[in-house]
Amino acid sequence: MGQFLKVDLWDTDLGEQMAVCTSWPTQEFVVWEWGAGNIVISHFIDKLGEVTP
């Protein structure tokens, strides 16, 4: 099983950058994903912080 990850990035009017992350299971009919989406998003945000100032 896996997770899809959608990331929307844009600049705000204040010159800041904003990211909105959404994650959902790759398999249909998943009743409970046991926090896998949160893990994927947290890992992505950690890696993003490593490559951006």
C-alpha atoms as a PDB file:
ATOM      1  CA  MET A   1       0.000   0.000   0.000  1.00  0.00           C
ATOM      2  CA  GLY A   2       1.155   3.576  -0.554  1.00  0.00           C
ATOM      3  CA  GLN A   3       0.099   7.189  -0.384  1.00  0.00           C
ATOM      4  CA  PHE A   4      -0.436   9.864  -2.989  1.00  0.00           C
ATOM      5  CA  LEU A   5       0.951  13.291  -2.097  1.00  0.00           C
ATOM      6  CA  LYS A   6      -0.297  16.538  -3.603  1.00  0.00           C
ATOM      7  CA  VAL A   7       1.656  19.701  -2.829  1.00  0.00           C
ATOM      8  CA  ASP A   8       0.494  23.184  -3.789  1.00  0.00           C
ATOM      9  CA  LEU A   9       3.171  25.884  -3.454  1.00  0.00           C
ATOM     10  CA  TRP A  10       2.713  29.595  -3.959  1.00  0.00           C
ATOM     11  CA  ASP A  11       3.952  33.006  -2.863  1.00  0.00           C
ATOM     12  CA  THR A  12       1.772  35.131  -0.583  1.00  0.00           C
ATOM     13  CA  ASP A  13       1.135  38.857  -0.921  1.00  0.00           C
ATOM     14  CA  LEU A  14       3.570  39.384   1.972  1.00  0.00           C
ATOM     15  CA  GLY A  15       6.435  37.793   0.029  1.00  0.00           C
ATOM     16  CA  GLU A  16       6.280  34.584   2.032  1.00  0.00           C
ATOM     17  CA  GLN A  17       5.902  31.102   0.613  1.00  0.00           C
ATOM     18  CA  MET A  18       3.039  28.788   1.465  1.00  0.00           C
ATOM     19  CA  ALA A  19       2.663  25.036   1.005  1.00  0.00           C
ATOM     20  CA  VAL A  20      -0.536  23.023   1.314  1.00  0.00           C
ATOM     21  CA  CYS A  21      -0.022  19.250   1.425  1.00  0.00           C
ATOM     22  CA  THR A  22      -2.710  16.634   0.949  1.00  0.00           C
ATOM     23  CA  SER A  23      -2.196  12.879   1.154  1.00  0.00           C
ATOM     24  CA  TRP A  24      -4.532   9.965   0.471  1.00  0.00           C
ATOM     25  CA  PRO A  25      -4.160   6.181   0.057  1.00  0.00           C
ATOM     26  CA  THR A  26      -3.324   4.684  -3.334  1.00  0.00           C
ATOM     27  CA  GLN A  27      -5.755   1.829  -2.704  1.00  0.00           C
ATOM     28  CA  GLU A  28      -9.508   2.335  -2.908  1.00  0.00           C
ATOM     29  CA  PHE A  29     -11.774   1.423  -0.003  1.00  0.00           C
ATOM     30  CA  VAL A  30      -9.186   2.097   2.705  1.00  0.00           C
ATOM     31  CA  VAL A  31     -11.119   2.519   5.925  1.00  0.00           C
ATOM     32  CA  TRP A  32      -8.221   3.491   8.186  1.00  0.00           C
ATOM     33  CA  GLU A  33      -4.755   4.541   7.061  1.00  0.00           C
ATOM     34  CA  TRP A  34      -3.135   4.509  10.527  1.00  0.00           C
ATOM     35  CA  GLY A  35      -1.552   7.958  10.117  1.00  0.00           C
ATOM     36  CA  ALA A  36       0.334   7.138   6.912  1.00  0.00           C
ATOM     37  CA  GLY A  37      -0.757  10.439   5.325  1.00  0.00           C
ATOM     38  CA  ASN A  38       0.631  12.428   8.249  1.00  0.00           C
ATOM     39  CA  ILE A  39       3.913  10.524   8.043  1.00  0.00           C
ATOM     40  CA  VAL A  40       4.257  11.235   4.312  1.00  0.00           C
ATOM     41  CA  ILE A  41       3.470  14.937   4.778  1.00  0.00           C
ATOM     42  CA  SER A  42       5.844  15.285   7.756  1.00  0.00           C
ATOM     43  CA  HIS A  43       8.652  13.614   5.825  1.00  0.00           C
ATOM     44  CA  PHE A  44       8.059  15.900   2.832  1.00  0.00           C
ATOM     45  CA  ILE A  45       8.062  19.041   5.015  1.00  0.00           C
ATOM     46  CA  ASP A  46      11.305  17.903   6.695  1.00  0.00           C
ATOM     47  CA  LYS A  47      12.978  17.373   3.323  1.00  0.00           C
ATOM     48  CA  LEU A  48      11.622  20.673   1.987  1.00  0.00           C
ATOM     49  CA  GLY A  49      13.149  22.442   4.997  1.00  0.00           C
ATOM     50  CA  GLU A  50      16.534  20.923   4.151  1.00  0.00           C
ATOM     51  CA  VAL A  51      16.600  22.367   0.622  1.00  0.00           C
ATOM     52  CA  THR A  52      14.981  25.778   1.229  1.00  0.00           C
ATOM     53  CA  PRO A  53      16.273  28.675   3.297  1.00  0.00           C
END
